Amino acid sequence: MRFLRLSALVLTASAGFLFGADEPGFHQLFDGKTLQGWKLVGGHGPGYVVEGDTIICPKEGGGNLFTEKEYGNFVFRFEFKLTAGANNGVGIRAPYEGDAAYKGMEIQILDDGDAMYKGQIRPEQYHGSVYDVIPARTGFRKPLGEWNEEEITANGRRITIKLNGVIILDADLSIVKEPKVLEKHPGLARPSGHIGFLGHGSHVEFRNIRVKEL
């Protein structure tokens, strides 16, 4: 896989992560040109497309865009930009087969402030939550049309989500003991799997996608 070469002196306009020297051990997962190293599963329409330095899930596209490689313990960093009501997710420790939100885990990506979700979603469905299991803190996404920076750390049973520099979830999966939840979400017990974007028919953009194995 070819990795995008980025200068160690480049900062994102939103004062985000410095790509290069201050990220030892991180590797780019997106070469900025192609989807080499990724596999589309259950795609529809155009699936995911590359425009400039961005991976786009078009409204008429989607499906699951997984890394070909599997990861167990890692730090996954990326930027995303939402449109009104947009719904996507990051699958972690997921298999290719089945629903990644249950057979693996899904970290929710959602414009949860949109009117269409008012009174329709539970706390564990808001942005940054371990979908349907553990709720995240809210109120730290940037306005629509702006790039957000997110970091997902999976280290053993601990899952930590950082959004725009703020920790919005830090939880030990061992706290989940309800038999019905564990039966519904067998993926909580998976030690490794693919990382992927889980498109749900909404326009969402991703860039600066990189990972560090722990």
C-alpha atoms as a PDB file:
ATOM      1  CA  MET A   1       0.000   0.000   0.000  1.00  0.00           C
ATOM      2  CA  ARG A   2       1.285   3.445  -0.885  1.00  0.00           C
ATOM      3  CA  PHE A   3       1.102   5.981   1.910  1.00  0.00           C
ATOM      4  CA  LEU A   4       0.530   9.660   1.389  1.00  0.00           C
ATOM      5  CA  ARG A   5       3.656  11.657   2.191  1.00  0.00           C
ATOM      6  CA  LEU A   6       2.817  14.572   4.476  1.00  0.00           C
ATOM      7  CA  SER A   7       5.185  17.237   5.689  1.00  0.00           C
ATOM      8  CA  ALA A   8       5.938  17.186   9.395  1.00  0.00           C
ATOM      9  CA  LEU A   9       5.294  20.920   9.382  1.00  0.00           C
ATOM     10  CA  VAL A  10       1.703  20.834   8.131  1.00  0.00           C
ATOM     11  CA  LEU A  11      -1.065  21.719  10.563  1.00  0.00           C
ATOM     12  CA  THR A  12      -4.776  21.447   9.892  1.00  0.00           C
ATOM     13  CA  ALA A  13      -6.535  24.796   9.672  1.00  0.00           C
ATOM     14  CA  SER A  14      -8.577  23.885  12.751  1.00  0.00           C
ATOM     15  CA  ALA A  15      -5.455  23.630  14.942  1.00  0.00           C
ATOM     16  CA  GLY A  16      -5.678  19.872  14.930  1.00  0.00           C
ATOM     17  CA  PHE A  17      -3.123  17.105  14.909  1.00  0.00           C
ATOM     18  CA  LEU A  18       0.311  17.723  13.432  1.00  0.00           C
ATOM     19  CA  PHE A  19       0.794  15.077  10.759  1.00  0.00           C
ATOM     20  CA  GLY A  20       4.300  13.698  10.840  1.00  0.00           C
ATOM     21  CA  ALA A  21       6.931  14.109  13.507  1.00  0.00           C
ATOM     22  CA  ASP A  22       4.526  14.366  16.461  1.00  0.00           C
ATOM     23  CA  GLU A  23       2.674  11.199  15.467  1.00  0.00           C
ATOM     24  CA  PRO A  24       5.325   8.496  15.825  1.00  0.00           C
ATOM     25  CA  GLY A  25       4.066   5.067  14.875  1.00  0.00           C
ATOM     26  CA  PHE A  26       1.086   6.319  12.881  1.00  0.00           C
ATOM     27  CA  HIS A  27       0.549   5.184   9.303  1.00  0.00           C
ATOM     28  CA  GLN A  28      -1.726   6.720   6.688  1.00  0.00           C
ATOM     29  CA  LEU A  29      -4.557   4.396   5.666  1.00  0.00           C
ATOM     30  CA  PHE A  30      -5.596   6.539   2.691  1.00  0.00           C
ATOM     31  CA  ASP A  31      -3.128   7.447  -0.047  1.00  0.00           C
ATOM     32  CA  GLY A  32      -5.147  10.502  -1.068  1.00  0.00           C
ATOM     33  CA  LYS A  33      -5.835   9.104  -4.539  1.00  0.00           C
ATOM     34  CA  THR A  34      -7.322   5.600  -4.446  1.00  0.00           C
ATOM     35  CA  LEU A  35      -9.070   3.128  -2.165  1.00  0.00           C
ATOM     36  CA  GLN A  36      -6.103   0.792  -2.228  1.00  0.00           C
ATOM     37  CA  GLY A  37      -5.978  -1.131   1.047  1.00  0.00           C
ATOM     38  CA  TRP A  38      -9.756  -0.894   1.530  1.00  0.00           C
ATOM     39  CA  LYS A  39     -12.585  -3.303   0.721  1.00  0.00           C
ATOM     40  CA  LEU A  40     -16.205  -2.329   0.056  1.00  0.00           C
ATOM     41  CA  VAL A  41     -18.699  -4.772   1.560  1.00  0.00           C
ATOM     42  CA  GLY A  42     -22.428  -4.555   0.840  1.00  0.00           C
ATOM     43  CA  GLY A  43     -21.966  -1.438  -1.227  1.00  0.00           C
ATOM     44  CA  HIS A  44     -24.720   0.173  -3.226  1.00  0.00           C
ATOM     45  CA  GLY A  45     -24.763   2.887  -5.866  1.00  0.00           C
ATOM     46  CA  PRO A  46     -21.277   4.360  -6.245  1.00  0.00           C
ATOM     47  CA  GLY A  47     -20.242   3.058  -2.815  1.00  0.00           C
ATOM     48  CA  TYR A  48     -17.479   5.424  -1.682  1.00  0.00           C
ATOM     49  CA  VAL A  49     -15.602   7.763  -4.005  1.00  0.00           C
ATOM     50  CA  VAL A  50     -12.335   9.693  -3.824  1.00  0.00           C
ATOM     51  CA  GLU A  51     -12.309  13.418  -4.548  1.00  0.00           C
ATOM     52  CA  GLY A  52      -9.102  15.319  -3.921  1.00  0.00           C
ATOM     53  CA  ASP A  53      -7.706  14.214  -0.573  1.00  0.00           C
ATOM     54  CA  THR A  54     -11.113  13.072   0.655  1.00  0.00           C
ATOM     55  CA  ILE A  55     -13.101   9.834   0.798  1.00  0.00           C
ATOM     56  CA  ILE A  56     -16.772  10.612   0.266  1.00  0.00           C
ATOM     57  CA  CYS A  57     -19.790   8.501   1.079  1.00  0.00           C
ATOM     58  CA  PRO A  58     -22.391  10.002  -1.293  1.00  0.00           C
ATOM     59  CA  LYS A  59     -26.045  10.144  -0.336  1.00  0.00           C
ATOM     60  CA  GLU A  60     -26.836   7.687  -3.118  1.00  0.00           C
ATOM     61  CA  GLY A  61     -23.925   5.424  -2.138  1.00  0.00           C
ATOM     62  CA  GLY A  62     -22.707   3.717   0.987  1.00  0.00           C
ATOM     63  CA  GLY A  63     -22.128   0.280   2.376  1.00  0.00           C
ATOM     64  CA  ASN A  64     -19.198  -0.694   4.594  1.00  0.00           C
ATOM     65  CA  LEU A  65     -15.725   0.431   3.538  1.00  0.00           C
ATOM     66  CA  PHE A  66     -13.313  -1.708   5.564  1.00  0.00           C
ATOM     67  CA  THR A  67      -9.553  -1.818   5.892  1.00  0.00           C
ATOM     68  CA  GLU A  68      -8.195  -4.987   4.353  1.00  0.00           C
ATOM     69  CA  LYS A  69      -5.977  -5.415   7.387  1.00  0.00           C
ATOM     70  CA  GLU A  70      -7.318  -6.368  10.807  1.00  0.00           C
ATOM     71  CA  TYR A  71      -6.487  -4.438  13.979  1.00  0.00           C
ATOM     72  CA  GLY A  72      -6.788  -5.361  17.646  1.00  0.00           C
ATOM     73  CA  ASN A  73      -5.394  -2.627  19.881  1.00  0.00           C
ATOM     74  CA  PHE A  74      -4.914   0.694  18.113  1.00  0.00           C
ATOM     75  CA  VAL A  75      -5.374   4.445  17.937  1.00  0.00           C
ATOM     76  CA  PHE A  76      -7.411   5.493  14.890  1.00  0.00           C
ATOM     77  CA  ARG A  77      -7.421   9.168  13.884  1.00  0.00           C
ATOM     78  CA  PHE A  78      -9.427  10.811  11.148  1.00  0.00           C
ATOM     79  CA  GLU A  79     -11.362  13.924  10.195  1.00  0.00           C
ATOM     80  CA  PHE A  80     -14.988  13.981   9.127  1.00  0.00           C
ATOM     81  CA  LYS A  81     -17.485  16.515   7.792  1.00  0.00           C
ATOM     82  CA  LEU A  82     -21.245  16.061   8.066  1.00  0.00           C
ATOM     83  CA  THR A  83     -24.265  17.256   6.133  1.00  0.00           C
ATOM     84  CA  ALA A  84     -27.683  17.884   7.695  1.00  0.00           C
ATOM     85  CA  GLY A  85     -29.006  14.733   9.378  1.00  0.00           C
ATOM     86  CA  ALA A  86     -26.026  12.670   8.193  1.00  0.00           C
ATOM     87  CA  ASN A  87     -25.595   9.174   9.592  1.00  0.00           C
ATOM     88  CA  ASN A  88     -22.478   7.014   9.340  1.00  0.00           C
ATOM     89  CA  GLY A  89     -20.263   5.117  11.751  1.00  0.00           C
ATOM     90  CA  VAL A  90     -16.831   3.682  12.389  1.00  0.00           C
ATOM     91  CA  GLY A  91     -16.784  -0.079  12.672  1.00  0.00           C
ATOM     92  CA  ILE A  92     -14.003  -1.432  14.868  1.00  0.00           C
ATOM     93  CA  ARG A  93     -12.863  -5.013  15.461  1.00  0.00           C
ATOM     94  CA  ALA A  94     -15.478  -5.957  12.896  1.00  0.00           C
ATOM     95  CA  PRO A  95     -15.673  -8.952  10.553  1.00  0.00           C
ATOM     96  CA  TYR A  96     -16.595  -8.547   6.908  1.00  0.00           C
ATOM     97  CA  GLU A  97     -19.723 -10.622   7.440  1.00  0.00           C
ATOM     98  CA  GLY A  98     -22.853  -9.509   9.277  1.00  0.00           C
ATOM     99  CA  ASP A  99     -23.817  -6.172  10.799  1.00  0.00           C
ATOM    100  CA  ALA A 100     -20.661  -4.475  12.060  1.00  0.00           C
ATOM    101  CA  ALA A 101     -22.599  -2.718  14.836  1.00  0.00           C
ATOM    102  CA  TYR A 102     -23.346  -6.075  16.433  1.00  0.00           C
ATOM    103  CA  LYS A 103     -20.758  -8.542  15.103  1.00  0.00           C
ATOM    104  CA  GLY A 104     -18.068  -5.943  15.851  1.00  0.00           C
ATOM    105  CA  MET A 105     -18.643  -2.506  17.364  1.00  0.00           C
ATOM    106  CA  GLU A 106     -19.842   0.734  15.809  1.00  0.00           C
ATOM    107  CA  ILE A 107     -18.735   4.145  17.014  1.00  0.00           C
ATOM    108  CA  GLN A 108     -21.602   6.380  15.942  1.00  0.00           C
ATOM    109  CA  ILE A 109     -21.111   9.258  13.497  1.00  0.00           C
ATOM    110  CA  LEU A 110     -24.295  11.297  13.452  1.00  0.00           C
ATOM    111  CA  ASP A 111     -25.661  14.810  13.110  1.00  0.00           C
ATOM    112  CA  ASP A 112     -27.673  14.075  16.238  1.00  0.00           C
ATOM    113  CA  GLY A 113     -28.761  17.697  16.593  1.00  0.00           C
ATOM    114  CA  ASP A 114     -30.881  17.560  13.451  1.00  0.00           C
ATOM    115  CA  ALA A 115     -34.632  17.958  13.981  1.00  0.00           C
ATOM    116  CA  MET A 116     -35.286  14.553  12.423  1.00  0.00           C
ATOM    117  CA  TYR A 117     -33.714  12.852  15.457  1.00  0.00           C
ATOM    118  CA  LYS A 118     -35.465  14.885  18.147  1.00  0.00           C
ATOM    119  CA  GLY A 119     -37.186  12.446  20.471  1.00  0.00           C
ATOM    120  CA  GLN A 120     -36.303   9.565  18.158  1.00  0.00           C
ATOM    121  CA  ILE A 121     -32.924   8.369  19.447  1.00  0.00           C
ATOM    122  CA  ARG A 122     -31.600   7.067  22.749  1.00  0.00           C
ATOM    123  CA  PRO A 123     -28.463   8.390  24.527  1.00  0.00           C
ATOM    124  CA  GLU A 124     -26.398   5.436  23.287  1.00  0.00           C
ATOM    125  CA  GLN A 125     -27.182   6.434  19.688  1.00  0.00           C
ATOM    126  CA  TYR A 126     -25.691   9.921  19.843  1.00  0.00           C
ATOM    127  CA  HIS A 127     -22.435  10.775  18.087  1.00  0.00           C
ATOM    128  CA  GLY A 128     -19.393   9.058  19.570  1.00  0.00           C
ATOM    129  CA  SER A 129     -21.346   6.384  21.403  1.00  0.00           C
ATOM    130  CA  VAL A 130     -20.539   2.704  21.235  1.00  0.00           C
ATOM    131  CA  TYR A 131     -23.710   2.233  19.237  1.00  0.00           C
ATOM    132  CA  ASP A 132     -26.638   0.821  21.212  1.00  0.00           C
ATOM    133  CA  VAL A 133     -24.398   0.079  24.210  1.00  0.00           C
ATOM    134  CA  ILE A 134     -22.515   2.992  25.863  1.00  0.00           C
ATOM    135  CA  PRO A 135     -23.491   6.686  25.467  1.00  0.00           C
ATOM    136  CA  ALA A 136     -20.999   9.453  24.749  1.00  0.00           C
ATOM    137  CA  ARG A 137     -20.941  13.046  25.990  1.00  0.00           C
ATOM    138  CA  THR A 138     -22.572  15.450  23.556  1.00  0.00           C
ATOM    139  CA  GLY A 139     -22.087  19.021  22.400  1.00  0.00           C
ATOM    140  CA  PHE A 140     -18.536  18.908  21.045  1.00  0.00           C
ATOM    141  CA  ARG A 141     -19.093  18.620  17.295  1.00  0.00           C
ATOM    142  CA  LYS A 142     -18.382  21.627  15.118  1.00  0.00           C
ATOM    143  CA  PRO A 143     -21.103  23.275  12.991  1.00  0.00           C
ATOM    144  CA  LEU A 144     -22.169  21.584   9.775  1.00  0.00           C
ATOM    145  CA  GLY A 145     -19.747  22.167   6.939  1.00  0.00           C
ATOM    146  CA  GLU A 146     -16.682  22.264   9.213  1.00  0.00           C
ATOM    147  CA  TRP A 147     -14.137  19.483   9.661  1.00  0.00           C
ATOM    148  CA  ASN A 148     -14.123  17.589  12.961  1.00  0.00           C
ATOM    149  CA  GLU A 149     -11.171  15.630  14.330  1.00  0.00           C
ATOM    150  CA  GLU A 150     -11.801  12.324  16.041  1.00  0.00           C
ATOM    151  CA  GLU A 151      -9.596   9.768  17.756  1.00  0.00           C
ATOM    152  CA  ILE A 152     -10.730   6.242  18.654  1.00  0.00           C
ATOM    153  CA  THR A 153      -8.514   4.208  20.965  1.00  0.00           C
ATOM    154  CA  ALA A 154      -9.174   0.521  21.497  1.00  0.00           C
ATOM    155  CA  ASN A 155      -6.796  -0.955  24.069  1.00  0.00           C
ATOM    156  CA  GLY A 156      -7.902  -4.271  25.465  1.00  0.00           C
ATOM    157  CA  ARG A 157     -11.351  -3.796  26.973  1.00  0.00           C
ATOM    158  CA  ARG A 158     -11.040   0.012  27.161  1.00  0.00           C
ATOM    159  CA  ILE A 159     -12.543   2.192  24.446  1.00  0.00           C
ATOM    160  CA  THR A 160     -11.771   5.926  24.449  1.00  0.00           C
ATOM    161  CA  ILE A 161     -13.225   8.475  22.018  1.00  0.00           C
ATOM    162  CA  LYS A 162     -11.820  11.965  21.658  1.00  0.00           C
ATOM    163  CA  LEU A 163     -13.686  14.554  19.566  1.00  0.00           C
ATOM    164  CA  ASN A 164     -12.035  17.865  18.698  1.00  0.00           C
ATOM    165  CA  GLY A 165      -9.627  17.423  21.587  1.00  0.00           C
ATOM    166  CA  VAL A 166     -12.284  16.483  24.177  1.00  0.00           C
ATOM    167  CA  ILE A 167     -12.742  12.998  25.627  1.00  0.00           C
ATOM    168  CA  ILE A 168     -16.410  12.175  25.070  1.00  0.00           C
ATOM    169  CA  LEU A 169     -16.279   8.500  26.013  1.00  0.00           C
ATOM    170  CA  ASP A 170     -13.884   6.483  28.155  1.00  0.00           C
ATOM    171  CA  ALA A 171     -15.273   3.119  29.128  1.00  0.00           C
ATOM    172  CA  ASP A 172     -14.278  -0.413  30.041  1.00  0.00           C
ATOM    173  CA  LEU A 173     -16.370  -2.865  28.029  1.00  0.00           C
ATOM    174  CA  SER A 174     -16.319  -5.143  31.057  1.00  0.00           C
ATOM    175  CA  ILE A 175     -18.975  -2.926  32.655  1.00  0.00           C
ATOM    176  CA  VAL A 176     -21.481  -4.294  30.159  1.00  0.00           C
ATOM    177  CA  LYS A 177     -22.950  -7.295  31.925  1.00  0.00           C
ATOM    178  CA  GLU A 178     -26.603  -7.371  30.858  1.00  0.00           C
ATOM    179  CA  PRO A 179     -27.215 -10.790  29.229  1.00  0.00           C
ATOM    180  CA  LYS A 180     -29.560  -9.361  26.597  1.00  0.00           C
ATOM    181  CA  VAL A 181     -27.016  -6.735  25.544  1.00  0.00           C
ATOM    182  CA  LEU A 182     -24.174  -9.245  25.388  1.00  0.00           C
ATOM    183  CA  GLU A 183     -26.312 -11.619  23.349  1.00  0.00           C
ATOM    184  CA  LYS A 184     -27.294  -8.826  20.950  1.00  0.00           C
ATOM    185  CA  HIS A 185     -23.706  -7.549  20.662  1.00  0.00           C
ATOM    186  CA  PRO A 186     -21.337 -10.539  20.485  1.00  0.00           C
ATOM    187  CA  GLY A 187     -18.802  -8.234  18.844  1.00  0.00           C
ATOM    188  CA  LEU A 188     -18.050  -6.647  22.227  1.00  0.00           C
ATOM    189  CA  ALA A 189     -15.969  -9.749  22.939  1.00  0.00           C
ATOM    190  CA  ARG A 190     -13.975  -9.691  19.689  1.00  0.00           C
ATOM    191  CA  PRO A 191     -10.246  -9.000  20.233  1.00  0.00           C
ATOM    192  CA  SER A 192      -9.583  -7.805  16.667  1.00  0.00           C
ATOM    193  CA  GLY A 193     -11.122  -7.139  13.275  1.00  0.00           C
ATOM    194  CA  HIS A 194     -11.370  -4.580  10.515  1.00  0.00           C
ATOM    195  CA  ILE A 195     -11.825  -0.820  10.862  1.00  0.00           C
ATOM    196  CA  GLY A 196     -14.373   0.683   8.508  1.00  0.00           C
ATOM    197  CA  PHE A 197     -16.792   3.439   7.630  1.00  0.00           C
ATOM    198  CA  LEU A 198     -20.415   2.311   7.808  1.00  0.00           C
ATOM    199  CA  GLY A 199     -22.487   4.321   5.344  1.00  0.00           C
ATOM    200  CA  HIS A 200     -26.239   4.698   5.778  1.00  0.00           C
ATOM    201  CA  GLY A 201     -27.302   6.688   2.735  1.00  0.00           C
ATOM    202  CA  SER A 202     -25.980  10.060   3.888  1.00  0.00           C
ATOM    203  CA  HIS A 203     -23.311  12.357   2.450  1.00  0.00           C
ATOM    204  CA  VAL A 204     -20.300  12.251   4.787  1.00  0.00           C
ATOM    205  CA  GLU A 205     -16.663  13.107   4.014  1.00  0.00           C
ATOM    206  CA  PHE A 206     -13.467  11.697   5.545  1.00  0.00           C
ATOM    207  CA  ARG A 207      -9.803  12.651   5.295  1.00  0.00           C
ATOM    208  CA  ASN A 208      -6.435  12.380   7.126  1.00  0.00           C
ATOM    209  CA  ILE A 209      -7.110   8.754   8.039  1.00  0.00           C
ATOM    210  CA  ARG A 210      -4.316   7.106   9.979  1.00  0.00           C
ATOM    211  CA  VAL A 211      -3.737   4.407  12.576  1.00  0.00           C
ATOM    212  CA  LYS A 212      -1.191   3.387  15.180  1.00  0.00           C
ATOM    213  CA  GLU A 213      -1.092  -0.181  16.440  1.00  0.00           C
ATOM    214  CA  LEU A 214      -0.599  -0.638  20.166  1.00  0.00           C
END
